[in-house]
Amino acid sequence: MRYPPKPLVISWLSLLALLALTVCLAYLPLGALNAPVALAIATLKSLIVAGVFMELRHRSGLTRAFAAAGFVWLLVLLWLAGVDYITRAQFPPALLH
């Protein structure tokens, strides 16, 4: 019987641990830190997936550069969404119903 490679098992276990951490933290009242903590955990998960399952560890510099550009673009989009949310005017309560 063949066993899966050790890096795959370690990455799978770490993704399961991060999933459990995400679920546990969803029930804790973190207030304003809820979104940053969730985004940090999601970033760790995406780095594990990119490094292990997409095999970016064994790729050339150009492939890594394009993957990094994708992450930078994601950060730009998240930043723009955050700025949009922060700078929106509050609607009067009468208009919400």
N, C-alpha and C. Protein backbone atom coordinates (compact mmCIF):
# COMPACT_ATOMS: atom_id res chain seq x y z
N MET A 1 0.83 -1.18 0.00
CA MET A 1 0.00 0.00 0.00
C MET A 1 0.88 1.25 0.00
N ARG A 2 0.58 2.17 -0.93
CA ARG A 2 1.35 3.41 -1.02
C ARG A 2 0.70 4.49 -0.16
N TYR A 3 1.53 5.22 0.52
CA TYR A 3 1.06 6.33 1.33
C TYR A 3 1.26 7.63 0.57
N PRO A 4 0.44 8.64 0.83
CA PRO A 4 0.63 9.92 0.14
C PRO A 4 1.91 10.60 0.61
N PRO A 5 2.46 11.47 -0.21
CA PRO A 5 3.70 12.17 0.19
C PRO A 5 3.49 12.98 1.46
N LYS A 6 4.54 13.06 2.24
CA LYS A 6 4.46 13.73 3.53
C LYS A 6 4.05 15.21 3.43
N PRO A 7 4.56 15.99 2.45
CA PRO A 7 4.12 17.39 2.35
C PRO A 7 2.62 17.54 2.12
N LEU A 8 2.02 16.61 1.38
CA LEU A 8 0.58 16.68 1.14
C LEU A 8 -0.20 16.42 2.42
N VAL A 9 0.26 15.48 3.21
CA VAL A 9 -0.42 15.17 4.47
C VAL A 9 -0.29 16.34 5.44
N ILE A 10 0.90 16.92 5.52
CA ILE A 10 1.12 18.06 6.42
C ILE A 10 0.27 19.25 5.99
N SER A 11 0.22 19.53 4.69
CA SER A 11 -0.58 20.65 4.22
C SER A 11 -2.06 20.41 4.44
N TRP A 12 -2.50 19.17 4.25
CA TRP A 12 -3.91 18.84 4.48
C TRP A 12 -4.26 19.03 5.95
N LEU A 13 -3.40 18.55 6.84
CA LEU A 13 -3.64 18.71 8.27
C LEU A 13 -3.62 20.18 8.68
N SER A 14 -2.71 20.95 8.09
CA SER A 14 -2.67 22.37 8.44
C SER A 14 -3.90 23.11 7.91
N LEU A 15 -4.40 22.73 6.73
CA LEU A 15 -5.63 23.33 6.23
C LEU A 15 -6.82 22.96 7.11
N LEU A 16 -6.86 21.73 7.60
CA LEU A 16 -7.93 21.34 8.52
C LEU A 16 -7.84 22.10 9.84
N ALA A 17 -6.62 22.31 10.33
CA ALA A 17 -6.43 23.06 11.57
C ALA A 17 -6.86 24.52 11.39
N LEU A 18 -6.51 25.11 10.25
CA LEU A 18 -6.93 26.49 9.99
C LEU A 18 -8.44 26.58 9.81
N LEU A 19 -9.04 25.56 9.24
CA LEU A 19 -10.50 25.53 9.13
C LEU A 19 -11.14 25.48 10.51
N ALA A 20 -10.61 24.65 11.39
CA ALA A 20 -11.14 24.57 12.75
C ALA A 20 -10.95 25.89 13.48
N LEU A 21 -9.81 26.53 13.27
CA LEU A 21 -9.56 27.83 13.88
C LEU A 21 -10.55 28.88 13.36
N THR A 22 -10.84 28.84 12.08
CA THR A 22 -11.81 29.76 11.50
C THR A 22 -13.19 29.56 12.12
N VAL A 23 -13.60 28.32 12.24
CA VAL A 23 -14.92 28.04 12.82
C VAL A 23 -14.97 28.47 14.28
N CYS A 24 -13.91 28.19 15.04
CA CYS A 24 -13.89 28.59 16.46
C CYS A 24 -13.90 30.10 16.62
N LEU A 25 -13.13 30.80 15.80
CA LEU A 25 -13.08 32.26 15.90
C LEU A 25 -14.35 32.92 15.42
N ALA A 26 -15.15 32.22 14.63
CA ALA A 26 -16.41 32.79 14.16
C ALA A 26 -17.39 32.97 15.32
N TYR A 27 -17.23 32.20 16.37
CA TYR A 27 -18.12 32.28 17.52
C TYR A 27 -17.59 33.17 18.64
N LEU A 28 -16.38 33.70 18.49
CA LEU A 28 -15.82 34.60 19.49
C LEU A 28 -16.16 36.04 19.14
N PRO A 29 -16.53 36.85 20.11
CA PRO A 29 -16.83 38.26 19.82
C PRO A 29 -15.54 39.08 19.73
N LEU A 30 -14.97 39.16 18.55
CA LEU A 30 -13.71 39.89 18.36
C LEU A 30 -13.91 41.36 18.01
N GLY A 31 -15.14 41.73 17.71
CA GLY A 31 -15.43 43.12 17.38
C GLY A 31 -14.82 43.52 16.05
N ALA A 32 -14.03 44.58 16.09
CA ALA A 32 -13.43 45.11 14.86
C ALA A 32 -12.33 44.21 14.31
N LEU A 33 -11.82 43.31 15.12
CA LEU A 33 -10.74 42.42 14.67
C LEU A 33 -11.24 41.19 13.94
N ASN A 34 -12.54 41.02 13.86
CA ASN A 34 -13.10 39.83 13.23
C ASN A 34 -12.68 39.69 11.77
N ALA A 35 -12.86 40.74 10.99
CA ALA A 35 -12.51 40.69 9.57
C ALA A 35 -11.01 40.54 9.34
N PRO A 36 -10.14 41.33 10.01
CA PRO A 36 -8.70 41.14 9.78
C PRO A 36 -8.19 39.75 10.15
N VAL A 37 -8.70 39.19 11.23
CA VAL A 37 -8.27 37.85 11.64
C VAL A 37 -8.73 36.82 10.61
N ALA A 38 -9.97 36.94 10.15
CA ALA A 38 -10.47 36.01 9.13
C ALA A 38 -9.68 36.13 7.83
N LEU A 39 -9.34 37.35 7.44
CA LEU A 39 -8.54 37.54 6.22
C LEU A 39 -7.12 37.00 6.38
N ALA A 40 -6.56 37.13 7.56
CA ALA A 40 -5.21 36.58 7.80
C ALA A 40 -5.22 35.06 7.70
N ILE A 41 -6.24 34.43 8.27
CA ILE A 41 -6.35 32.97 8.18
C ILE A 41 -6.57 32.54 6.73
N ALA A 42 -7.41 33.27 6.01
CA ALA A 42 -7.64 32.96 4.59
C ALA A 42 -6.36 33.13 3.77
N THR A 43 -5.56 34.13 4.11
CA THR A 43 -4.29 34.32 3.41
C THR A 43 -3.35 33.15 3.66
N LEU A 44 -3.28 32.68 4.90
CA LEU A 44 -2.45 31.50 5.19
C LEU A 44 -2.92 30.28 4.41
N LYS A 45 -4.23 30.09 4.34
CA LYS A 45 -4.76 28.95 3.57
C LYS A 45 -4.39 29.07 2.10
N SER A 46 -4.52 30.27 1.54
CA SER A 46 -4.20 30.43 0.12
C SER A 46 -2.71 30.23 -0.14
N LEU A 47 -1.86 30.65 0.79
CA LEU A 47 -0.43 30.43 0.61
C LEU A 47 -0.07 28.95 0.68
N ILE A 48 -0.74 28.21 1.54
CA ILE A 48 -0.51 26.76 1.61
C ILE A 48 -0.94 26.10 0.30
N VAL A 49 -2.10 26.48 -0.19
CA VAL A 49 -2.59 25.90 -1.45
C VAL A 49 -1.66 26.26 -2.61
N ALA A 50 -1.22 27.52 -2.65
CA ALA A 50 -0.34 27.94 -3.74
C ALA A 50 1.02 27.24 -3.65
N GLY A 51 1.54 27.12 -2.46
CA GLY A 51 2.87 26.54 -2.31
C GLY A 51 2.91 25.03 -2.52
N VAL A 52 1.88 24.34 -2.05
CA VAL A 52 1.92 22.87 -2.08
C VAL A 52 1.16 22.32 -3.27
N PHE A 53 -0.12 22.68 -3.39
CA PHE A 53 -0.94 22.05 -4.41
C PHE A 53 -0.71 22.63 -5.82
N MET A 54 -0.37 23.93 -5.89
CA MET A 54 -0.04 24.51 -7.18
C MET A 54 1.44 24.33 -7.51
N GLU A 55 2.19 23.78 -6.56
CA GLU A 55 3.62 23.48 -6.70
C GLU A 55 4.45 24.69 -7.09
N LEU A 56 4.14 25.83 -6.50
CA LEU A 56 4.92 27.03 -6.78
C LEU A 56 6.33 26.94 -6.18
N ARG A 57 6.53 26.04 -5.25
CA ARG A 57 7.86 25.88 -4.66
C ARG A 57 8.86 25.39 -5.70
N HIS A 58 8.37 24.63 -6.68
CA HIS A 58 9.27 24.01 -7.65
C HIS A 58 9.22 24.70 -9.01
N ARG A 59 8.61 25.86 -9.11
CA ARG A 59 8.46 26.55 -10.39
C ARG A 59 9.53 27.62 -10.57
N SER A 60 9.59 28.14 -11.79
CA SER A 60 10.58 29.17 -12.11
C SER A 60 10.18 30.51 -11.49
N GLY A 61 11.11 31.44 -11.58
CA GLY A 61 10.87 32.77 -11.03
C GLY A 61 9.74 33.51 -11.73
N LEU A 62 9.59 33.29 -13.03
CA LEU A 62 8.54 33.98 -13.78
C LEU A 62 7.15 33.51 -13.33
N THR A 63 7.00 32.22 -13.10
CA THR A 63 5.72 31.69 -12.63
C THR A 63 5.41 32.22 -11.24
N ARG A 64 6.41 32.28 -10.39
CA ARG A 64 6.21 32.84 -9.05
C ARG A 64 5.86 34.31 -9.12
N ALA A 65 6.46 35.04 -10.06
CA ALA A 65 6.17 36.47 -10.21
C ALA A 65 4.72 36.68 -10.62
N PHE A 66 4.21 35.86 -11.53
CA PHE A 66 2.81 35.99 -11.94
C PHE A 66 1.87 35.61 -10.81
N ALA A 67 2.22 34.61 -10.03
CA ALA A 67 1.40 34.25 -8.88
C ALA A 67 1.41 35.37 -7.85
N ALA A 68 2.56 35.98 -7.62
CA ALA A 68 2.64 37.11 -6.69
C ALA A 68 1.84 38.30 -7.22
N ALA A 69 1.85 38.50 -8.53
CA ALA A 69 1.06 39.58 -9.11
C ALA A 69 -0.44 39.35 -8.88
N GLY A 70 -0.86 38.11 -8.92
CA GLY A 70 -2.25 37.80 -8.61
C GLY A 70 -2.60 38.14 -7.17
N PHE A 71 -1.70 37.84 -6.24
CA PHE A 71 -1.93 38.18 -4.84
C PHE A 71 -1.93 39.69 -4.63
N VAL A 72 -1.04 40.40 -5.33
CA VAL A 72 -1.02 41.86 -5.23
C VAL A 72 -2.33 42.44 -5.76
N TRP A 73 -2.82 41.90 -6.86
CA TRP A 73 -4.09 42.37 -7.41
C TRP A 73 -5.23 42.10 -6.43
N LEU A 74 -5.21 40.96 -5.77
CA LEU A 74 -6.21 40.67 -4.75
C LEU A 74 -6.15 41.68 -3.62
N LEU A 75 -4.94 42.04 -3.17
CA LEU A 75 -4.79 43.04 -2.13
C LEU A 75 -5.33 44.40 -2.56
N VAL A 76 -5.08 44.77 -3.82
CA VAL A 76 -5.61 46.04 -4.34
C VAL A 76 -7.14 46.02 -4.33
N LEU A 77 -7.74 44.92 -4.76
CA LEU A 77 -9.20 44.82 -4.76
C LEU A 77 -9.77 44.88 -3.35
N LEU A 78 -9.14 44.19 -2.41
CA LEU A 78 -9.60 44.23 -1.02
C LEU A 78 -9.44 45.64 -0.44
N TRP A 79 -8.35 46.31 -0.77
CA TRP A 79 -8.14 47.67 -0.30
C TRP A 79 -9.21 48.60 -0.87
N LEU A 80 -9.49 48.50 -2.15
CA LEU A 80 -10.52 49.35 -2.76
C LEU A 80 -11.90 49.07 -2.16
N ALA A 81 -12.20 47.82 -1.90
CA ALA A 81 -13.48 47.49 -1.28
C ALA A 81 -13.55 48.07 0.13
N GLY A 82 -12.47 48.00 0.87
CA GLY A 82 -12.44 48.56 2.21
C GLY A 82 -12.60 50.07 2.22
N VAL A 83 -11.91 50.75 1.30
CA VAL A 83 -12.04 52.20 1.20
C VAL A 83 -13.47 52.58 0.80
N ASP A 84 -14.06 51.84 -0.11
CA ASP A 84 -15.43 52.11 -0.51
C ASP A 84 -16.38 51.95 0.67
N TYR A 85 -16.19 50.93 1.46
CA TYR A 85 -17.06 50.68 2.61
C TYR A 85 -16.89 51.77 3.68
N ILE A 86 -15.65 52.16 3.93
CA ILE A 86 -15.38 53.15 4.98
C ILE A 86 -15.90 54.54 4.60
N THR A 87 -15.78 54.89 3.34
CA THR A 87 -16.13 56.25 2.92
C THR A 87 -17.58 56.42 2.50
N ARG A 88 -18.38 55.40 2.55
CA ARG A 88 -19.80 55.56 2.20
C ARG A 88 -20.53 56.35 3.26
N ALA A 89 -21.45 57.19 2.78
CA ALA A 89 -22.27 57.96 3.72
C ALA A 89 -23.31 57.03 4.35
N GLN A 90 -23.64 57.30 5.59
CA GLN A 90 -24.64 56.51 6.27
C GLN A 90 -26.03 56.95 5.78
N PHE A 91 -26.85 56.00 5.40
CA PHE A 91 -28.19 56.32 4.95
C PHE A 91 -29.08 56.59 6.14
N PRO A 92 -30.02 57.53 6.01
CA PRO A 92 -30.97 57.74 7.10
C PRO A 92 -31.81 56.48 7.33
N PRO A 93 -32.18 56.20 8.59
CA PRO A 93 -32.94 54.98 8.89
C PRO A 93 -34.28 54.91 8.15
N ALA A 94 -34.87 56.05 7.80
CA ALA A 94 -36.17 56.03 7.13
C ALA A 94 -36.05 55.46 5.72
N LEU A 95 -34.90 55.62 5.09
CA LEU A 95 -34.73 55.12 3.73
C LEU A 95 -34.44 53.63 3.67
N LEU A 96 -34.08 53.03 4.76
CA LEU A 96 -33.72 51.61 4.76
C LEU A 96 -34.94 50.69 4.77
N HIS A 97 -36.11 51.19 5.11
CA HIS A 97 -37.31 50.33 5.20
C HIS A 97 -38.07 50.33 3.93
